[in-house]
């Protein structure tokens, strides 16, 4: 926190105010002067700190905007930024993409909806709700990441194992089909010192933002699942039609052979072409 001369003066004034009044001094006016000095110094300290924080966040927003503009074929329609401004989730509904811009990394990540394997909300590392890919392909991809040793890093503890009265951190945890960087976390509430009660406005704001993003990504996961299922159905239908077509052709060849229209050698040659 920014102190500077005003902050130091405020602390000193408060100490002197306590000493003067506590010692029963004959100069209450001096004590009140010190008291007002403490108030003014504290106000100055808070105002200066807030100005610096707002300036820092504005710089981070500008840098994030510039980096999003440099991502080719990505048109950000929705974006959500972490509490400290370091990580931004951007959603491109036109091209069906999501991107993660981290100011702590020089390389931005862009993924198709189909690459999203799991989304969950963590409170102090504990998973409270999650959505996984349900299609055969999506499940296989997620299973592959888990089997590859990433499973120990992906999620938190089960939400049923711990009852939390206060929370320091609320995160959105997104797992993607990327063997190098499969885990992307965005903290919408992040306090290193104090914990927030679940009925506090700070907790509600952080959790509601995380929940909104989680639900939105859940929609993207379901869209990808539906497209996978349609492809699987279409593939099965095409295979079935292909099998029926081969069977029909074989029946025709058998009739031609039985009727003496083609010889046995010709029948075998044509059958090999059909069956492979």
C-alpha atoms as a PDB file:
ATOM      1  CA  UNK A   1       0.000   0.000   0.000  1.00  0.00           C
ATOM      2  CA  UNK A   2       1.206   3.516  -0.830  1.00  0.00           C
ATOM      3  CA  UNK A   3       2.164   5.518   2.293  1.00  0.00           C
ATOM      4  CA  UNK A   4       4.556   8.320   1.396  1.00  0.00           C
ATOM      5  CA  UNK A   5       4.963  11.350   3.631  1.00  0.00           C
ATOM      6  CA  UNK A   6       1.220  11.735   4.211  1.00  0.00           C
ATOM      7  CA  UNK A   7       0.867   8.163   5.416  1.00  0.00           C
ATOM      8  CA  UNK A   8       3.842   8.408   7.752  1.00  0.00           C
ATOM      9  CA  UNK A   9       2.472  11.669   9.148  1.00  0.00           C
ATOM     10  CA  UNK A  10      -0.916  10.058   9.744  1.00  0.00           C
ATOM     11  CA  UNK A  11       0.591   7.164  11.697  1.00  0.00           C
ATOM     12  CA  UNK A  12       2.730   9.503  13.775  1.00  0.00           C
ATOM     13  CA  UNK A  13      -0.248  11.797  14.460  1.00  0.00           C
ATOM     14  CA  UNK A  14      -2.387   8.889  15.635  1.00  0.00           C
ATOM     15  CA  UNK A  15       0.318   7.719  18.035  1.00  0.00           C
ATOM     16  CA  UNK A  16       0.757  11.218  19.474  1.00  0.00           C
ATOM     17  CA  UNK A  17      -3.017  11.674  19.755  1.00  0.00           C
ATOM     18  CA  UNK A  18      -3.262   8.476  21.800  1.00  0.00           C
ATOM     19  CA  UNK A  19      -0.350   9.468  24.040  1.00  0.00           C
ATOM     20  CA  UNK A  20      -1.680  12.982  24.716  1.00  0.00           C
ATOM     21  CA  UNK A  21      -5.213  11.918  25.580  1.00  0.00           C
ATOM     22  CA  UNK A  22      -4.147   8.789  27.421  1.00  0.00           C
ATOM     23  CA  UNK A  23      -1.684  10.748  29.508  1.00  0.00           C
ATOM     24  CA  UNK A  24      -4.306  13.263  30.601  1.00  0.00           C
ATOM     25  CA  UNK A  25      -2.391  16.160  29.108  1.00  0.00           C
ATOM     26  CA  UNK A  26      -3.423  19.811  29.520  1.00  0.00           C
ATOM     27  CA  UNK A  27      -3.596  20.451  25.768  1.00  0.00           C
ATOM     28  CA  UNK A  28      -6.655  18.722  24.261  1.00  0.00           C
ATOM     29  CA  UNK A  29      -6.454  21.130  21.321  1.00  0.00           C
ATOM     30  CA  UNK A  30      -3.126  19.604  20.354  1.00  0.00           C
ATOM     31  CA  UNK A  31      -4.661  16.153  20.581  1.00  0.00           C
ATOM     32  CA  UNK A  32      -7.527  17.138  18.290  1.00  0.00           C
ATOM     33  CA  UNK A  33      -5.119  18.713  15.826  1.00  0.00           C
ATOM     34  CA  UNK A  34      -3.260  15.433  15.748  1.00  0.00           C
ATOM     35  CA  UNK A  35      -6.546  13.571  15.336  1.00  0.00           C
ATOM     36  CA  UNK A  36      -7.545  15.632  12.301  1.00  0.00           C
ATOM     37  CA  UNK A  37      -4.036  15.250  10.970  1.00  0.00           C
ATOM     38  CA  UNK A  38      -4.469  11.495  11.222  1.00  0.00           C
ATOM     39  CA  UNK A  39      -7.772  11.673   9.344  1.00  0.00           C
ATOM     40  CA  UNK A  40      -6.411  13.868   6.566  1.00  0.00           C
ATOM     41  CA  UNK A  41      -3.277  11.757   6.238  1.00  0.00           C
ATOM     42  CA  UNK A  42      -5.303   8.547   6.037  1.00  0.00           C
ATOM     43  CA  UNK A  43      -7.609  10.035   3.411  1.00  0.00           C
ATOM     44  CA  UNK A  44      -4.620  11.175   1.358  1.00  0.00           C
ATOM     45  CA  UNK A  45      -3.012   7.752   1.640  1.00  0.00           C
ATOM     46  CA  UNK A  46      -6.195   5.955   0.531  1.00  0.00           C
ATOM     47  CA  UNK A  47      -6.860   8.379  -2.336  1.00  0.00           C
ATOM     48  CA  UNK A  48      -3.312   8.113  -3.658  1.00  0.00           C
ATOM     49  CA  UNK A  49      -3.349   4.320  -3.452  1.00  0.00           C
ATOM     50  CA  UNK A  50      -6.672   4.151  -5.291  1.00  0.00           C
ATOM     51  CA  UNK A  51      -5.428   6.468  -8.046  1.00  0.00           C
ATOM     52  CA  UNK A  52      -2.341   4.332  -8.556  1.00  0.00           C
ATOM     53  CA  UNK A  53      -4.411   1.130  -8.693  1.00  0.00           C
ATOM     54  CA  UNK A  54      -6.824   2.632 -11.238  1.00  0.00           C
ATOM     55  CA  UNK A  55      -3.914   3.822 -13.365  1.00  0.00           C
ATOM     56  CA  UNK A  56      -2.313   0.375 -13.234  1.00  0.00           C
ATOM     57  CA  UNK A  57      -5.588  -1.362 -14.213  1.00  0.00           C
ATOM     58  CA  UNK A  58      -6.087   1.087 -17.107  1.00  0.00           C
ATOM     59  CA  UNK A  59      -2.611   0.254 -18.420  1.00  0.00           C
ATOM     60  CA  UNK A  60      -3.361  -3.472 -18.181  1.00  0.00           C
ATOM     61  CA  UNK A  61      -6.673  -3.045 -20.038  1.00  0.00           C
ATOM     62  CA  UNK A  62      -4.918  -1.142 -22.811  1.00  0.00           C
ATOM     63  CA  UNK A  63      -2.203  -3.790 -23.152  1.00  0.00           C
ATOM     64  CA  UNK A  64      -4.843  -6.547 -23.228  1.00  0.00           C
ATOM     65  CA  UNK A  65      -6.821  -4.675 -25.916  1.00  0.00           C
ATOM     66  CA  UNK A  66      -3.698  -4.283 -28.047  1.00  0.00           C
ATOM     67  CA  UNK A  67      -2.821  -7.969 -27.774  1.00  0.00           C
ATOM     68  CA  UNK A  68      -6.351  -9.121 -28.603  1.00  0.00           C
ATOM     69  CA  UNK A  69      -6.297  -6.973 -31.745  1.00  0.00           C
ATOM     70  CA  UNK A  70      -3.082  -8.687 -32.849  1.00  0.00           C
ATOM     71  CA  UNK A  71      -4.623 -12.186 -32.706  1.00  0.00           C
ATOM     72  CA  UNK A  72      -5.434 -13.103 -36.311  1.00  0.00           C
ATOM     73  CA  UNK A  73      -8.981 -14.239 -37.154  1.00  0.00           C
ATOM     74  CA  UNK A  74     -10.213 -13.563 -33.626  1.00  0.00           C
ATOM     75  CA  UNK A  75     -13.075 -11.128 -33.046  1.00  0.00           C
ATOM     76  CA  UNK A  76     -13.726 -10.683 -29.346  1.00  0.00           C
ATOM     77  CA  UNK A  77     -17.466 -10.522 -28.619  1.00  0.00           C
ATOM     78  CA  UNK A  78     -17.208 -11.111 -24.855  1.00  0.00           C
ATOM     79  CA  UNK A  79     -14.326 -10.832 -22.429  1.00  0.00           C
ATOM     80  CA  UNK A  80     -13.765 -11.415 -18.722  1.00  0.00           C
ATOM     81  CA  UNK A  81     -10.716 -10.277 -16.757  1.00  0.00           C
ATOM     82  CA  UNK A  82      -9.219 -11.518 -13.495  1.00  0.00           C
ATOM     83  CA  UNK A  83      -9.366  -9.403 -10.335  1.00  0.00           C
ATOM     84  CA  UNK A  84      -5.750  -8.265 -10.721  1.00  0.00           C
ATOM     85  CA  UNK A  85      -6.137  -7.588 -14.458  1.00  0.00           C
ATOM     86  CA  UNK A  86      -3.402 -10.044 -15.472  1.00  0.00           C
ATOM     87  CA  UNK A  87      -5.513 -12.700 -17.264  1.00  0.00           C
ATOM     88  CA  UNK A  88      -8.367 -12.177 -19.735  1.00  0.00           C
ATOM     89  CA  UNK A  89     -10.705 -14.747 -21.273  1.00  0.00           C
ATOM     90  CA  UNK A  90     -11.981 -13.620 -24.683  1.00  0.00           C
ATOM     91  CA  UNK A  91     -14.791 -15.347 -26.597  1.00  0.00           C
ATOM     92  CA  UNK A  92     -15.211 -15.140 -30.381  1.00  0.00           C
ATOM     93  CA  UNK A  93     -18.761 -16.287 -31.146  1.00  0.00           C
ATOM     94  CA  UNK A  94     -18.324 -15.761 -34.908  1.00  0.00           C
ATOM     95  CA  UNK A  95     -15.319 -18.037 -35.366  1.00  0.00           C
ATOM     96  CA  UNK A  96     -16.195 -20.288 -32.393  1.00  0.00           C
ATOM     97  CA  UNK A  97     -12.973 -19.642 -30.518  1.00  0.00           C
ATOM     98  CA  UNK A  98     -11.792 -18.718 -27.048  1.00  0.00           C
ATOM     99  CA  UNK A  99      -8.488 -17.083 -26.197  1.00  0.00           C
ATOM    100  CA  UNK A 100      -6.489 -16.532 -23.024  1.00  0.00           C
ATOM    101  CA  UNK A 101      -4.372 -13.396 -22.782  1.00  0.00           C
ATOM    102  CA  UNK A 102      -1.959 -13.449 -19.847  1.00  0.00           C
ATOM    103  CA  UNK A 103       0.157 -10.369 -19.215  1.00  0.00           C
ATOM    104  CA  UNK A 104       2.676 -12.653 -17.494  1.00  0.00           C
ATOM    105  CA  UNK A 105       3.276 -14.480 -20.784  1.00  0.00           C
ATOM    106  CA  UNK A 106       4.312 -13.223 -24.197  1.00  0.00           C
ATOM    107  CA  UNK A 107       2.322 -15.864 -26.093  1.00  0.00           C
ATOM    108  CA  UNK A 108      -1.480 -15.723 -26.250  1.00  0.00           C
ATOM    109  CA  UNK A 109      -3.470 -18.951 -26.537  1.00  0.00           C
ATOM    110  CA  UNK A 110      -6.393 -19.483 -28.946  1.00  0.00           C
ATOM    111  CA  UNK A 111      -8.573 -22.609 -28.933  1.00  0.00           C
ATOM    112  CA  UNK A 112     -11.573 -23.906 -30.855  1.00  0.00           C
ATOM    113  CA  UNK A 113     -14.764 -24.707 -28.931  1.00  0.00           C
ATOM    114  CA  UNK A 114     -13.961 -28.374 -29.600  1.00  0.00           C
ATOM    115  CA  UNK A 115     -10.700 -28.017 -27.649  1.00  0.00           C
ATOM    116  CA  UNK A 116     -12.534 -27.115 -24.422  1.00  0.00           C
ATOM    117  CA  UNK A 117     -12.657 -30.276 -22.324  1.00  0.00           C
ATOM    118  CA  UNK A 118     -13.712 -29.098 -18.874  1.00  0.00           C
ATOM    119  CA  UNK A 119     -14.771 -26.032 -16.903  1.00  0.00           C
ATOM    120  CA  UNK A 120     -15.046 -25.755 -13.133  1.00  0.00           C
ATOM    121  CA  UNK A 121     -15.234 -23.214 -10.318  1.00  0.00           C
ATOM    122  CA  UNK A 122     -12.697 -23.463  -7.500  1.00  0.00           C
ATOM    123  CA  UNK A 123     -13.000 -21.722  -4.136  1.00  0.00           C
ATOM    124  CA  UNK A 124      -9.671 -21.846  -2.310  1.00  0.00           C
ATOM    125  CA  UNK A 125      -8.720 -24.804  -4.496  1.00  0.00           C
ATOM    126  CA  UNK A 126     -11.928 -26.756  -3.841  1.00  0.00           C
ATOM    127  CA  UNK A 127     -14.121 -27.676  -6.823  1.00  0.00           C
ATOM    128  CA  UNK A 128     -17.730 -26.604  -6.269  1.00  0.00           C
ATOM    129  CA  UNK A 129     -19.159 -27.257  -9.757  1.00  0.00           C
ATOM    130  CA  UNK A 130     -17.840 -28.587 -13.076  1.00  0.00           C
ATOM    131  CA  UNK A 131     -18.850 -29.411 -16.656  1.00  0.00           C
ATOM    132  CA  UNK A 132     -17.034 -31.989 -18.822  1.00  0.00           C
ATOM    133  CA  UNK A 133     -17.151 -32.882 -22.497  1.00  0.00           C
ATOM    134  CA  UNK A 134     -19.683 -35.691 -22.819  1.00  0.00           C
ATOM    135  CA  UNK A 135     -19.168 -36.914 -26.379  1.00  0.00           C
ATOM    136  CA  UNK A 136     -17.072 -39.993 -27.090  1.00  0.00           C
ATOM    137  CA  UNK A 137     -14.309 -37.915 -28.696  1.00  0.00           C
ATOM    138  CA  UNK A 138     -14.280 -35.236 -25.984  1.00  0.00           C
ATOM    139  CA  UNK A 139     -14.245 -37.834 -23.221  1.00  0.00           C
ATOM    140  CA  UNK A 140     -11.353 -39.647 -24.871  1.00  0.00           C
ATOM    141  CA  UNK A 141      -9.333 -36.425 -25.122  1.00  0.00           C
ATOM    142  CA  UNK A 142      -9.932 -35.531 -21.474  1.00  0.00           C
ATOM    143  CA  UNK A 143      -9.121 -39.095 -20.429  1.00  0.00           C
ATOM    144  CA  UNK A 144      -5.884 -38.888 -22.369  1.00  0.00           C
ATOM    145  CA  UNK A 145      -4.818 -35.769 -20.478  1.00  0.00           C
ATOM    146  CA  UNK A 146      -5.673 -37.373 -17.146  1.00  0.00           C
ATOM    147  CA  UNK A 147      -3.749 -40.525 -18.038  1.00  0.00           C
ATOM    148  CA  UNK A 148      -0.802 -38.433 -19.173  1.00  0.00           C
ATOM    149  CA  UNK A 149      -0.069 -37.184 -15.670  1.00  0.00           C
ATOM    150  CA  UNK A 150      -1.983 -33.907 -15.877  1.00  0.00           C
ATOM    151  CA  UNK A 151      -4.787 -35.170 -13.650  1.00  0.00           C
ATOM    152  CA  UNK A 152      -2.974 -34.318 -10.435  1.00  0.00           C
ATOM    153  CA  UNK A 153      -2.755 -30.691 -11.545  1.00  0.00           C
ATOM    154  CA  UNK A 154      -6.159 -30.183 -13.132  1.00  0.00           C
ATOM    155  CA  UNK A 155      -8.811 -29.993 -10.437  1.00  0.00           C
ATOM    156  CA  UNK A 156      -9.283 -29.236  -6.795  1.00  0.00           C
ATOM    157  CA  UNK A 157     -10.667 -31.258  -3.917  1.00  0.00           C
ATOM    158  CA  UNK A 158     -14.286 -32.328  -3.958  1.00  0.00           C
ATOM    159  CA  UNK A 159     -16.666 -29.663  -2.736  1.00  0.00           C
ATOM    160  CA  UNK A 160     -18.300 -32.170  -0.398  1.00  0.00           C
ATOM    161  CA  UNK A 161     -15.107 -32.707   1.603  1.00  0.00           C
ATOM    162  CA  UNK A 162     -14.847 -29.240   3.155  1.00  0.00           C
ATOM    163  CA  UNK A 163     -17.280 -26.637   4.491  1.00  0.00           C
ATOM    164  CA  UNK A 164     -15.936 -23.125   3.946  1.00  0.00           C
ATOM    165  CA  UNK A 165     -17.136 -20.166   5.992  1.00  0.00           C
ATOM    166  CA  UNK A 166     -14.766 -17.651   4.408  1.00  0.00           C
ATOM    167  CA  UNK A 167     -12.964 -17.632   1.073  1.00  0.00           C
ATOM    168  CA  UNK A 168      -9.806 -15.935  -0.190  1.00  0.00           C
ATOM    169  CA  UNK A 169      -9.866 -17.028  -3.825  1.00  0.00           C
ATOM    170  CA  UNK A 170     -12.548 -17.804  -6.441  1.00  0.00           C
ATOM    171  CA  UNK A 171     -11.206 -19.163  -9.740  1.00  0.00           C
ATOM    172  CA  UNK A 172     -12.532 -20.351 -13.070  1.00  0.00           C
ATOM    173  CA  UNK A 173     -10.510 -23.407 -14.119  1.00  0.00           C
ATOM    174  CA  UNK A 174     -10.650 -24.282 -17.836  1.00  0.00           C
ATOM    175  CA  UNK A 175      -9.059 -27.466 -19.245  1.00  0.00           C
ATOM    176  CA  UNK A 176      -8.258 -27.513 -22.967  1.00  0.00           C
ATOM    177  CA  UNK A 177      -6.858 -30.015 -25.448  1.00  0.00           C
ATOM    178  CA  UNK A 178      -3.285 -28.753 -25.213  1.00  0.00           C
ATOM    179  CA  UNK A 179      -0.619 -31.106 -23.904  1.00  0.00           C
ATOM    180  CA  UNK A 180       1.758 -28.184 -23.247  1.00  0.00           C
ATOM    181  CA  UNK A 181      -0.646 -25.787 -21.478  1.00  0.00           C
ATOM    182  CA  UNK A 182      -3.842 -27.698 -20.627  1.00  0.00           C
ATOM    183  CA  UNK A 183      -4.785 -25.632 -17.546  1.00  0.00           C
ATOM    184  CA  UNK A 184      -5.967 -22.018 -17.636  1.00  0.00           C
ATOM    185  CA  UNK A 185      -7.103 -20.345 -14.410  1.00  0.00           C
ATOM    186  CA  UNK A 186      -8.717 -16.938 -13.915  1.00  0.00           C
ATOM    187  CA  UNK A 187      -9.100 -15.628 -10.350  1.00  0.00           C
ATOM    188  CA  UNK A 188     -12.100 -13.324  -9.988  1.00  0.00           C
ATOM    189  CA  UNK A 189     -11.507 -12.998  -6.240  1.00  0.00           C
ATOM    190  CA  UNK A 190      -7.929 -13.106  -5.027  1.00  0.00           C
ATOM    191  CA  UNK A 191      -6.944 -11.950  -1.544  1.00  0.00           C
ATOM    192  CA  UNK A 192      -3.609 -12.943  -0.045  1.00  0.00           C
ATOM    193  CA  UNK A 193      -4.352 -11.595   3.431  1.00  0.00           C
ATOM    194  CA  UNK A 194      -8.023 -11.419   4.400  1.00  0.00           C
ATOM    195  CA  UNK A 195     -10.746 -13.981   3.674  1.00  0.00           C
ATOM    196  CA  UNK A 196     -14.267 -12.915   2.693  1.00  0.00           C
ATOM    197  CA  UNK A 197     -17.493 -14.257   4.146  1.00  0.00           C
ATOM    198  CA  UNK A 198     -19.832 -15.824   1.610  1.00  0.00           C
ATOM    199  CA  UNK A 199     -22.451 -13.149   2.269  1.00  0.00           C
ATOM    200  CA  UNK A 200     -19.964 -10.317   1.557  1.00  0.00           C
ATOM    201  CA  UNK A 201     -20.312  -8.257  -1.621  1.00  0.00           C
ATOM    202  CA  UNK A 202     -16.714  -9.003  -2.622  1.00  0.00           C
ATOM    203  CA  UNK A 203     -17.337 -12.753  -2.569  1.00  0.00           C
ATOM    204  CA  UNK A 204     -20.683 -12.445  -4.361  1.00  0.00           C
ATOM    205  CA  UNK A 205     -19.202 -10.313  -7.149  1.00  0.00           C
ATOM    206  CA  UNK A 206     -16.264 -12.683  -7.689  1.00  0.00           C
ATOM    207  CA  UNK A 207     -18.348 -15.854  -7.552  1.00  0.00           C
ATOM    208  CA  UNK A 208     -21.120 -14.483  -9.787  1.00  0.00           C
ATOM    209  CA  UNK A 209     -18.611 -13.531 -12.479  1.00  0.00           C
ATOM    210  CA  UNK A 210     -16.948 -16.953 -12.284  1.00  0.00           C
ATOM    211  CA  UNK A 211     -20.350 -18.667 -12.406  1.00  0.00           C
ATOM    212  CA  UNK A 212     -21.450 -16.645 -15.444  1.00  0.00           C
ATOM    213  CA  UNK A 213     -18.249 -17.577 -17.309  1.00  0.00           C
ATOM    214  CA  UNK A 214     -18.618 -21.213 -16.246  1.00  0.00           C
ATOM    215  CA  UNK A 215     -22.184 -21.374 -17.558  1.00  0.00           C
ATOM    216  CA  UNK A 216     -21.161 -19.698 -20.812  1.00  0.00           C
ATOM    217  CA  UNK A 217     -18.322 -22.160 -21.375  1.00  0.00           C
ATOM    218  CA  UNK A 218     -20.770 -24.947 -20.518  1.00  0.00           C
ATOM    219  CA  UNK A 219     -22.887 -23.802 -23.480  1.00  0.00           C
ATOM    220  CA  UNK A 220     -19.810 -23.929 -25.740  1.00  0.00           C
ATOM    221  CA  UNK A 221     -18.991 -27.436 -24.485  1.00  0.00           C
ATOM    222  CA  UNK A 222     -22.549 -28.614 -25.227  1.00  0.00           C
ATOM    223  CA  UNK A 223     -22.374 -27.102 -28.719  1.00  0.00           C
ATOM    224  CA  UNK A 224     -19.140 -28.996 -29.407  1.00  0.00           C
ATOM    225  CA  UNK A 225     -20.664 -32.205 -28.003  1.00  0.00           C
ATOM    226  CA  UNK A 226     -23.720 -31.836 -30.229  1.00  0.00           C
ATOM    227  CA  UNK A 227     -21.564 -31.340 -33.329  1.00  0.00           C
ATOM    228  CA  UNK A 228     -19.486 -34.412 -32.411  1.00  0.00           C
ATOM    229  CA  UNK A 229     -22.632 -36.510 -31.974  1.00  0.00           C
ATOM    230  CA  UNK A 230     -23.970 -35.362 -35.337  1.00  0.00           C
ATOM    231  CA  UNK A 231     -20.689 -36.348 -36.997  1.00  0.00           C
ATOM    232  CA  UNK A 232     -20.724 -39.744 -35.255  1.00  0.00           C
ATOM    233  CA  UNK A 233     -24.318 -40.355 -36.394  1.00  0.00           C
ATOM    234  CA  UNK A 234     -23.485 -39.309 -39.950  1.00  0.00           C
ATOM    235  CA  UNK A 235     -20.432 -41.599 -40.028  1.00  0.00           C
ATOM    236  CA  UNK A 236     -22.441 -44.584 -38.776  1.00  0.00           C
ATOM    237  CA  UNK A 237     -25.152 -43.873 -41.353  1.00  0.00           C
ATOM    238  CA  UNK A 238     -22.636 -43.650 -44.200  1.00  0.00           C
ATOM    239  CA  UNK A 239     -20.956 -46.896 -43.106  1.00  0.00           C
ATOM    240  CA  UNK A 240     -24.311 -48.637 -42.918  1.00  0.00           C
ATOM    241  CA  UNK A 241     -25.282 -47.433 -46.382  1.00  0.00           C
ATOM    242  CA  UNK A 242     -21.899 -48.516 -47.717  1.00  0.00           C
ATOM    243  CA  UNK A 243     -22.321 -52.019 -46.277  1.00  0.00           C
ATOM    244  CA  UNK A 244     -25.791 -52.316 -47.813  1.00  0.00           C
ATOM    245  CA  UNK A 245     -24.458 -51.159 -51.173  1.00  0.00           C
ATOM    246  CA  UNK A 246     -21.717 -53.843 -51.179  1.00  0.00           C
ATOM    247  CA  UNK A 247     -24.219 -56.538 -50.218  1.00  0.00           C
ATOM    248  CA  UNK A 248     -26.546 -55.518 -53.059  1.00  0.00           C
ATOM    249  CA  UNK A 249     -23.709 -55.626 -55.577  1.00  0.00           C
ATOM    250  CA  UNK A 250     -22.654 -59.083 -54.395  1.00  0.00           C
ATOM    251  CA  UNK A 251     -26.219 -60.366 -54.832  1.00  0.00           C
ATOM    252  CA  UNK A 252     -26.238 -59.036 -58.382  1.00  0.00           C
ATOM    253  CA  UNK A 253     -22.950 -60.762 -59.134  1.00  0.00           C
ATOM    254  CA  UNK A 254     -24.278 -64.056 -57.749  1.00  0.00           C
ATOM    255  CA  UNK A 255     -27.344 -63.825 -59.998  1.00  0.00           C
ATOM    256  CA  UNK A 256     -25.191 -63.041 -63.034  1.00  0.00           C
ATOM    257  CA  UNK A 257     -22.995 -66.045 -62.283  1.00  0.00           C
ATOM    258  CA  UNK A 258     -25.991 -68.338 -61.681  1.00  0.00           C
ATOM    259  CA  UNK A 259     -27.535 -67.228 -64.956  1.00  0.00           C
ATOM    260  CA  UNK A 260     -24.274 -67.936 -66.776  1.00  0.00           C
ATOM    261  CA  UNK A 261     -23.791 -64.343 -67.832  1.00  0.00           C
ATOM    262  CA  UNK A 262     -20.356 -64.177 -66.191  1.00  0.00           C
ATOM    263  CA  UNK A 263     -17.836 -66.930 -65.548  1.00  0.00           C
ATOM    264  CA  UNK A 264     -16.569 -68.097 -62.187  1.00  0.00           C
ATOM    265  CA  UNK A 265     -13.259 -66.305 -62.690  1.00  0.00           C
ATOM    266  CA  UNK A 266     -15.047 -63.075 -63.586  1.00  0.00           C
ATOM    267  CA  UNK A 267     -17.244 -63.455 -60.483  1.00  0.00           C
ATOM    268  CA  UNK A 268     -14.208 -63.858 -58.207  1.00  0.00           C
ATOM    269  CA  UNK A 269     -12.437 -60.890 -59.795  1.00  0.00           C
ATOM    270  CA  UNK A 270     -15.468 -58.597 -59.340  1.00  0.00           C
ATOM    271  CA  UNK A 271     -16.017 -59.831 -55.773  1.00  0.00           C
ATOM    272  CA  UNK A 272     -12.437 -58.947 -54.827  1.00  0.00           C
ATOM    273  CA  UNK A 273     -12.963 -55.432 -56.167  1.00  0.00           C
ATOM    274  CA  UNK A 274     -16.067 -54.980 -54.004  1.00  0.00           C
ATOM    275  CA  UNK A 275     -14.732 -56.516 -50.818  1.00  0.00           C
ATOM    276  CA  UNK A 276     -11.161 -55.336 -51.245  1.00  0.00           C
END
